[in-house]
């Protein structure tokens, strides 16, 4: 019985040591090897963490930055199972996998990992997106203050009311265009505007890749700016949806939804599949001090347009999306690094300045439920009865 009790005690102590490594000795440095195997007592405190969603987004960063260590983290995507870090662990990168479920699961695993102390880390979400031709062009790099999730009913468009343009309408309503009657809490996130503006300011010093002759010819098919101009870094809010949609009527519907759900505060520019899920995972951990929600930047470069309004037939619109080559992937992935690197270097070189509050949020940051308990009177959107008690 005494031996059994001793074994139980040692097992409990071992489990505690794994969960709270800093209580049981100094952080261990990994052995430089191809295996990436490190001590379970290791603890790293990155200044910057890059978050990509899939291979075409991650590769430019892995190729550009000297990320020499590969750390296996339980709970990451089966096909993106490692975090990559530079030699002193001040810069790290993770790939979530595409779609909302992958994004939320990976960020949850990362936030819970005992390998990292993320309490002072700045996060750069860096991915590609579709761009509304009313707001930008292929090759643009956008920086968001708002991330809006498309959470609505959808009726088959062949059976919708005759005066509707699409089958989407808000939860808890029966008329298109109304403010939702039911709120899930993940519909809107507001980010640190001061940090966003700093990231944009730095990105605007970069010379972006304008793409190929084919890119220029494709932009020229639109007879208006900004769709037909050359790429630049701009402010622009982003829409999250697992559905990879396209078409001018949907673009208009979701632009209106963005205005409705934010009381006219946000303007949709880009569309992607992960950001609200990533932010929801982060805000849950920010509430308990694991991460700082004010240190997140959402950067999306633009690989394609959300619609081609120079075509009018439905089959032609589908052809443009599925068969036509917009050619924006190469420029957009290059521009992720070109536009993101200035912020990364600025934080790494001036971390004390950033860490001591130079770019602390002055606006409301958070979600519909005010999970972080911020001053709700500074929020310009939402309704007070959605605030968590």
Protein backbone atom coordinates (compact mmCIF):
# COMPACT_ATOMS: atom_id res chain seq x y z
CA UNK A 1 0.00 0.00 0.00
CA UNK A 2 2.85 2.40 0.84
CA UNK A 3 4.46 1.71 -2.54
CA UNK A 4 1.15 2.33 -4.30
CA UNK A 5 0.71 5.63 -2.47
CA UNK A 6 4.27 6.68 -3.35
CA UNK A 7 3.67 5.84 -7.01
CA UNK A 8 0.45 7.86 -6.99
CA UNK A 9 2.23 10.83 -5.41
CA UNK A 10 5.06 10.76 -7.95
CA UNK A 11 2.57 10.52 -10.80
CA UNK A 12 0.69 13.58 -9.52
CA UNK A 13 3.92 15.55 -9.13
CA UNK A 14 4.98 14.60 -12.65
CA UNK A 15 1.64 15.73 -14.07
CA UNK A 16 1.87 19.00 -12.17
CA UNK A 17 5.37 19.63 -13.48
CA UNK A 18 4.18 19.19 -17.05
CA UNK A 19 1.27 21.53 -16.54
CA UNK A 20 3.28 24.22 -14.69
CA UNK A 21 6.87 23.93 -15.99
CA UNK A 22 8.16 27.20 -14.52
CA UNK A 23 7.44 25.92 -10.99
CA UNK A 24 9.87 23.04 -11.38
CA UNK A 25 13.07 24.60 -12.66
CA UNK A 26 14.49 26.80 -15.38
CA UNK A 27 13.25 26.64 -18.94
CA UNK A 28 15.24 24.13 -20.94
CA UNK A 29 16.73 24.92 -24.32
CA UNK A 30 16.02 22.35 -27.06
CA UNK A 31 18.73 20.23 -28.52
CA UNK A 32 19.42 21.48 -32.08
CA UNK A 33 18.29 18.53 -34.16
CA UNK A 34 16.01 17.69 -37.03
CA UNK A 35 13.58 15.96 -34.72
CA UNK A 36 12.40 19.11 -32.95
CA UNK A 37 12.12 17.11 -29.71
CA UNK A 38 12.48 19.34 -26.66
CA UNK A 39 12.29 19.06 -22.91
CA UNK A 40 8.77 19.08 -21.45
CA UNK A 41 10.04 21.77 -19.04
CA UNK A 42 10.72 24.25 -21.84
CA UNK A 43 8.99 27.61 -21.75
CA UNK A 44 9.23 30.16 -24.56
CA UNK A 45 7.99 33.74 -24.66
CA UNK A 46 7.75 34.93 -28.28
CA UNK A 47 7.50 38.64 -28.99
CA UNK A 48 5.69 37.99 -32.29
CA UNK A 49 3.61 35.02 -33.43
CA UNK A 50 2.64 34.74 -37.11
CA UNK A 51 -0.60 32.88 -37.79
CA UNK A 52 -1.22 31.47 -41.26
CA UNK A 53 -4.03 29.22 -42.43
CA UNK A 54 -2.55 26.98 -45.13
CA UNK A 55 0.57 26.11 -47.09
CA UNK A 56 0.55 28.94 -49.64
CA UNK A 57 0.35 31.48 -46.82
CA UNK A 58 2.94 29.89 -44.54
CA UNK A 59 5.65 29.12 -47.08
CA UNK A 60 6.67 32.72 -47.86
CA UNK A 61 7.22 33.34 -44.13
CA UNK A 62 9.12 30.08 -43.62
CA UNK A 63 11.31 30.90 -46.60
CA UNK A 64 11.93 34.52 -45.61
CA UNK A 65 12.54 34.24 -41.87
CA UNK A 66 15.17 32.01 -40.29
CA UNK A 67 12.82 29.79 -38.30
CA UNK A 68 15.27 27.07 -37.32
CA UNK A 69 13.34 25.21 -34.61
CA UNK A 70 10.29 23.01 -35.21
CA UNK A 71 8.25 22.36 -32.08
CA UNK A 72 5.52 19.72 -32.05
CA UNK A 73 2.47 20.97 -30.14
CA UNK A 74 -0.36 18.58 -29.22
CA UNK A 75 -3.70 19.64 -30.66
CA UNK A 76 -2.45 21.40 -33.76
CA UNK A 77 -3.68 20.37 -37.21
CA UNK A 78 -2.58 16.87 -38.23
CA UNK A 79 -1.00 18.35 -41.36
CA UNK A 80 0.45 21.44 -39.65
CA UNK A 81 1.56 19.90 -36.37
CA UNK A 82 4.59 22.09 -35.64
CA UNK A 83 5.29 25.62 -34.49
CA UNK A 84 8.34 27.13 -36.19
CA UNK A 85 10.59 29.56 -34.27
CA UNK A 86 13.77 31.52 -34.79
CA UNK A 87 16.97 30.84 -32.86
CA UNK A 88 16.04 32.87 -29.78
CA UNK A 89 12.30 32.13 -29.89
CA UNK A 90 11.31 35.78 -30.23
CA UNK A 91 9.52 35.04 -33.53
CA UNK A 92 7.32 31.99 -34.06
CA UNK A 93 4.83 30.82 -36.69
CA UNK A 94 1.86 28.43 -36.69
CA UNK A 95 -0.50 27.24 -39.42
CA UNK A 96 -4.06 26.54 -38.32
CA UNK A 97 -5.57 24.71 -41.26
CA UNK A 98 -8.40 26.22 -43.29
CA UNK A 99 -11.93 26.92 -42.11
CA UNK A 100 -13.41 28.01 -38.80
CA UNK A 101 -13.17 24.67 -36.97
CA UNK A 102 -9.48 24.23 -37.79
CA UNK A 103 -8.69 27.80 -36.81
CA UNK A 104 -10.45 27.67 -33.44
CA UNK A 105 -9.04 24.25 -32.55
CA UNK A 106 -5.45 25.18 -33.36
CA UNK A 107 -5.56 28.48 -31.49
CA UNK A 108 -7.07 26.70 -28.49
CA UNK A 109 -4.26 24.15 -28.51
CA UNK A 110 -1.63 26.85 -28.92
CA UNK A 111 -3.05 28.96 -26.09
CA UNK A 112 -3.10 25.96 -23.74
CA UNK A 113 0.38 24.70 -24.64
CA UNK A 114 2.81 24.67 -21.71
CA UNK A 115 5.64 25.31 -24.17
CA UNK A 116 4.68 28.97 -24.53
CA UNK A 117 4.07 32.02 -22.39
CA UNK A 118 1.91 34.18 -24.69
CA UNK A 119 0.92 36.84 -22.18
CA UNK A 120 3.00 39.56 -23.89
CA UNK A 121 3.00 38.20 -27.43
CA UNK A 122 1.85 40.19 -30.46
CA UNK A 123 -0.07 38.12 -33.01
CA UNK A 124 -0.10 38.78 -36.75
CA UNK A 125 -2.88 36.88 -38.51
CA UNK A 126 -1.60 36.78 -42.09
CA UNK A 127 -3.69 35.21 -44.83
CA UNK A 128 -5.14 35.73 -48.28
CA UNK A 129 -8.72 36.71 -49.00
CA UNK A 130 -11.23 37.75 -51.60
CA UNK A 131 -11.68 41.49 -52.09
CA UNK A 132 -14.77 43.44 -53.04
CA UNK A 133 -13.93 45.44 -56.19
CA UNK A 134 -15.74 48.35 -54.53
CA UNK A 135 -13.08 48.40 -51.81
CA UNK A 136 -9.80 47.23 -53.33
CA UNK A 137 -7.99 45.18 -55.93
CA UNK A 138 -6.07 41.93 -56.25
CA UNK A 139 -2.68 42.28 -54.61
CA UNK A 140 -3.91 44.76 -52.00
CA UNK A 141 -3.05 44.13 -48.36
CA UNK A 142 -5.81 45.02 -45.89
CA UNK A 143 -5.69 45.66 -42.15
CA UNK A 144 -8.95 45.19 -40.26
CA UNK A 145 -10.43 46.97 -37.28
CA UNK A 146 -13.53 44.77 -37.41
CA UNK A 147 -14.02 41.08 -38.15
CA UNK A 148 -17.64 40.17 -38.91
CA UNK A 149 -19.01 36.63 -39.09
CA UNK A 150 -21.79 35.75 -41.52
CA UNK A 151 -24.31 34.15 -39.16
CA UNK A 152 -27.71 34.17 -40.85
CA UNK A 153 -30.60 32.06 -42.03
CA UNK A 154 -30.49 30.99 -45.67
CA UNK A 155 -33.48 29.99 -47.76
CA UNK A 156 -33.06 28.36 -51.15
CA UNK A 157 -32.78 31.29 -53.59
CA UNK A 158 -35.23 29.53 -55.92
CA UNK A 159 -37.87 29.70 -53.19
CA UNK A 160 -37.19 33.09 -51.60
CA UNK A 161 -39.66 36.02 -51.67
CA UNK A 162 -39.77 37.70 -55.06
CA UNK A 163 -38.51 41.04 -53.74
CA UNK A 164 -35.36 39.56 -52.15
CA UNK A 165 -32.01 39.52 -53.99
CA UNK A 166 -30.50 36.61 -52.00
CA UNK A 167 -31.79 34.00 -49.57
CA UNK A 168 -29.97 35.40 -46.51
CA UNK A 169 -31.71 37.07 -43.57
CA UNK A 170 -30.78 37.65 -39.93
CA UNK A 171 -31.45 35.21 -37.09
CA UNK A 172 -34.63 35.93 -35.17
CA UNK A 173 -36.18 37.92 -38.02
CA UNK A 174 -38.39 37.19 -41.02
CA UNK A 175 -37.45 40.12 -43.26
CA UNK A 176 -34.13 40.56 -45.06
CA UNK A 177 -31.93 43.40 -43.83
CA UNK A 178 -33.10 43.58 -40.22
CA UNK A 179 -30.85 43.58 -37.15
CA UNK A 180 -30.63 40.04 -35.66
CA UNK A 181 -33.11 39.08 -33.00
CA UNK A 182 -30.82 36.29 -31.79
CA UNK A 183 -27.14 36.85 -31.02
CA UNK A 184 -24.51 34.09 -30.79
CA UNK A 185 -21.69 36.35 -29.60
CA UNK A 186 -19.14 35.72 -32.36
CA UNK A 187 -20.74 38.00 -34.96
CA UNK A 188 -18.42 40.98 -34.42
CA UNK A 189 -14.94 41.53 -33.02
CA UNK A 190 -13.38 44.96 -32.69
CA UNK A 191 -9.58 45.08 -32.63
CA UNK A 192 -7.02 47.58 -31.36
CA UNK A 193 -7.28 50.48 -33.81
CA UNK A 194 -4.06 52.12 -32.67
CA UNK A 195 -2.03 48.96 -33.28
CA UNK A 196 -3.86 48.39 -36.59
CA UNK A 197 -2.97 51.91 -37.69
CA UNK A 198 0.68 51.35 -36.76
CA UNK A 199 0.77 48.13 -38.77
CA UNK A 200 -0.82 49.90 -41.75
CA UNK A 201 1.56 52.85 -41.47
CA UNK A 202 4.55 50.51 -41.58
CA UNK A 203 3.10 48.40 -44.40
CA UNK A 204 2.63 51.51 -46.52
CA UNK A 205 6.41 51.99 -46.50
CA UNK A 206 6.84 48.69 -48.35
CA UNK A 207 6.96 48.29 -52.12
CA UNK A 208 4.30 45.72 -52.92
CA UNK A 209 4.39 43.20 -55.75
CA UNK A 210 2.00 44.43 -58.46
CA UNK A 211 1.74 41.02 -60.08
CA UNK A 212 1.95 40.01 -63.70
CA UNK A 213 0.85 41.56 -66.97
CA UNK A 214 -2.14 39.22 -66.73
CA UNK A 215 -3.02 40.71 -63.33
CA UNK A 216 -2.98 44.20 -64.82
CA UNK A 217 -5.17 43.07 -67.71
CA UNK A 218 -7.63 41.45 -65.32
CA UNK A 219 -7.86 44.58 -63.16
CA UNK A 220 -8.49 46.62 -66.31
CA UNK A 221 -11.70 44.65 -66.95
CA UNK A 222 -13.22 46.75 -64.17
CA UNK A 223 -13.91 50.28 -65.38
CA UNK A 224 -13.63 51.89 -61.95
CA UNK A 225 -11.25 52.35 -59.06
CA UNK A 226 -10.15 50.88 -56.77
CA UNK A 227 -10.58 47.61 -58.67
CA UNK A 228 -8.44 48.74 -61.63
CA UNK A 229 -5.58 50.41 -59.76
CA UNK A 230 -2.26 48.88 -58.65
CA UNK A 231 -2.00 47.20 -55.22
CA UNK A 232 -1.39 49.04 -51.98
CA UNK A 233 -1.84 48.59 -48.23
CA UNK A 234 -5.24 49.80 -47.02
CA UNK A 235 -7.56 49.73 -44.03
CA UNK A 236 -10.43 47.31 -44.58
CA UNK A 237 -12.70 45.16 -42.44
CA UNK A 238 -13.10 41.45 -43.02
CA UNK A 239 -15.95 38.92 -43.28
CA UNK A 240 -15.71 35.34 -42.03
CA UNK A 241 -17.71 32.47 -43.53
CA UNK A 242 -17.05 28.78 -44.01
CA UNK A 243 -18.89 29.13 -47.32
CA UNK A 244 -16.49 30.25 -50.06
CA UNK A 245 -18.99 32.47 -51.85
CA UNK A 246 -18.88 34.79 -54.86
CA UNK A 247 -21.24 36.99 -56.83
CA UNK A 248 -22.30 40.64 -56.87
CA UNK A 249 -25.65 40.08 -55.15
CA UNK A 250 -24.02 38.24 -52.27
CA UNK A 251 -21.36 40.94 -52.09
CA UNK A 252 -24.06 43.58 -51.73
CA UNK A 253 -26.03 41.51 -49.22
CA UNK A 254 -23.04 40.91 -46.96
CA UNK A 255 -21.88 44.51 -47.25
CA UNK A 256 -25.31 45.55 -46.01
CA UNK A 257 -25.21 42.90 -43.27
CA UNK A 258 -21.85 44.27 -42.11
CA UNK A 259 -23.35 47.74 -41.80
CA UNK A 260 -26.43 46.41 -40.01
CA UNK A 261 -24.63 44.22 -37.48
CA UNK A 262 -22.16 47.02 -36.60
CA UNK A 263 -24.65 49.91 -36.62
CA UNK A 264 -22.92 51.35 -39.68
CA UNK A 265 -19.47 51.32 -38.09
CA UNK A 266 -17.67 48.66 -40.16
CA UNK A 267 -17.14 48.50 -43.92
CA UNK A 268 -16.59 45.06 -45.39
CA UNK A 269 -13.60 44.81 -47.72
CA UNK A 270 -12.35 41.21 -47.64
CA UNK A 271 -13.84 37.76 -47.19
CA UNK A 272 -12.12 34.73 -45.66
CA UNK A 273 -12.89 31.57 -43.68
CA UNK A 274 -11.15 31.77 -40.31
CA UNK A 275 -10.69 35.10 -38.54
CA UNK A 276 -13.74 35.21 -36.26
CA UNK A 277 -13.02 31.66 -35.12
CA UNK A 278 -9.41 32.57 -34.36
CA UNK A 279 -10.52 35.67 -32.48
CA UNK A 280 -13.18 33.79 -30.51
CA UNK A 281 -10.58 31.30 -29.29
CA UNK A 282 -8.22 34.12 -28.36
CA UNK A 283 -10.84 36.16 -26.49
CA UNK A 284 -11.78 33.21 -24.29
CA UNK A 285 -8.16 32.87 -23.21
CA UNK A 286 -7.64 36.63 -22.99
CA UNK A 287 -10.38 36.73 -20.36
CA UNK A 288 -8.14 34.63 -18.09
CA UNK A 289 -4.86 36.34 -18.98
CA UNK A 290 -3.35 33.72 -21.28
CA UNK A 291 -3.09 36.22 -24.15
CA UNK A 292 -3.62 39.96 -24.63
CA UNK A 293 -6.49 40.61 -27.05
CA UNK A 294 -5.21 44.14 -27.72
CA UNK A 295 -2.10 42.67 -29.37
CA UNK A 296 -3.75 41.11 -32.41
CA UNK A 297 -3.43 42.38 -35.98
CA UNK A 298 -5.54 40.92 -38.79
CA UNK A 299 -3.81 41.30 -42.15
CA UNK A 300 -5.36 39.90 -45.33
CA UNK A 301 -3.86 40.20 -48.81
CA UNK A 302 -6.20 39.89 -51.78
CA UNK A 303 -5.94 37.02 -54.24
CA UNK A 304 -9.26 37.37 -56.09
CA UNK A 305 -12.34 39.54 -56.52
CA UNK A 306 -15.64 38.60 -54.94
CA UNK A 307 -17.48 39.18 -58.20
CA UNK A 308 -16.98 40.05 -61.86
CA UNK A 309 -19.58 42.66 -62.69
CA UNK A 310 -18.57 42.87 -66.32
CA UNK A 311 -20.31 39.53 -66.81
CA UNK A 312 -24.08 39.38 -66.48
CA UNK A 313 -24.96 35.76 -67.19
CA UNK A 314 -24.90 33.41 -64.20
CA UNK A 315 -22.94 30.74 -66.00
CA UNK A 316 -20.31 33.31 -66.98
CA UNK A 317 -19.97 34.43 -63.36
CA UNK A 318 -19.39 30.83 -62.32
CA UNK A 319 -16.86 30.37 -65.11
CA UNK A 320 -14.86 33.37 -63.93
CA UNK A 321 -14.71 31.93 -60.41
CA UNK A 322 -14.04 28.27 -61.20
CA UNK A 323 -12.21 28.38 -64.53
CA UNK A 324 -10.96 31.89 -65.16
CA UNK A 325 -7.50 32.68 -63.85
CA UNK A 326 -7.47 35.89 -61.85
CA UNK A 327 -3.82 35.22 -61.11
CA UNK A 328 -3.71 36.93 -57.75
CA UNK A 329 -2.24 34.12 -55.65
CA UNK A 330 1.42 34.86 -56.40
CA UNK A 331 1.25 38.59 -55.73
CA UNK A 332 -0.97 38.20 -52.67
CA UNK A 333 1.26 35.65 -50.95
CA UNK A 334 4.40 37.69 -51.68
CA UNK A 335 2.70 40.78 -50.34
CA UNK A 336 1.88 39.08 -47.04
CA UNK A 337 5.58 39.09 -46.19
CA UNK A 338 6.30 42.45 -47.81
CA UNK A 339 3.53 44.17 -45.85
CA UNK A 340 3.91 42.18 -42.64
CA UNK A 341 7.68 42.28 -42.25
CA UNK A 342 7.88 45.99 -41.28
CA UNK A 343 5.59 45.41 -38.29
CA UNK A 344 7.39 42.22 -37.29
CA UNK A 345 10.79 43.91 -37.34
CA UNK A 346 9.47 47.00 -35.57
CA UNK A 347 8.12 44.93 -32.69
CA UNK A 348 11.25 42.79 -32.43
CA UNK A 349 13.58 45.80 -32.49
CA UNK A 350 11.46 47.97 -30.20
CA UNK A 351 9.72 45.43 -28.02
CA UNK A 352 10.02 47.47 -24.83
CA UNK A 353 8.24 50.37 -26.54
CA UNK A 354 5.39 48.14 -27.66
CA UNK A 355 5.29 46.22 -24.39
CA UNK A 356 5.13 49.38 -22.29
CA UNK A 357 1.94 50.61 -23.89
CA UNK A 358 2.92 52.79 -26.85
CA UNK A 359 0.17 51.18 -28.92
CA UNK A 360 -2.35 50.25 -26.25
CA UNK A 361 -5.96 50.34 -27.40
CA UNK A 362 -7.89 53.56 -26.99
CA UNK A 363 -11.05 52.18 -28.61
CA UNK A 364 -13.35 49.42 -27.38
CA UNK A 365 -11.86 45.99 -28.06
CA UNK A 366 -13.76 42.74 -27.80
CA UNK A 367 -16.92 40.97 -28.82
CA UNK A 368 -20.71 41.22 -28.67
CA UNK A 369 -20.84 39.89 -25.09
CA UNK A 370 -18.10 42.22 -23.79
CA UNK A 371 -16.27 39.13 -22.60
CA UNK A 372 -13.25 41.21 -21.58
CA UNK A 373 -15.30 43.56 -19.42
CA UNK A 374 -14.30 46.76 -21.23
CA UNK A 375 -16.03 50.12 -20.97
CA UNK A 376 -19.14 49.37 -23.01
CA UNK A 377 -20.00 53.06 -23.39
CA UNK A 378 -17.10 53.40 -25.84
CA UNK A 379 -18.57 50.76 -28.16
CA UNK A 380 -20.30 52.19 -31.22
CA UNK A 381 -22.09 49.00 -32.25
CA UNK A 382 -24.22 46.21 -30.82
CA UNK A 383 -26.94 46.45 -28.20
CA UNK A 384 -26.47 46.51 -24.45
CA UNK A 385 -28.70 43.51 -23.77
CA UNK A 386 -26.16 41.26 -25.53
CA UNK A 387 -23.51 42.06 -22.89
CA UNK A 388 -22.72 39.13 -20.63
CA UNK A 389 -23.54 39.61 -16.95
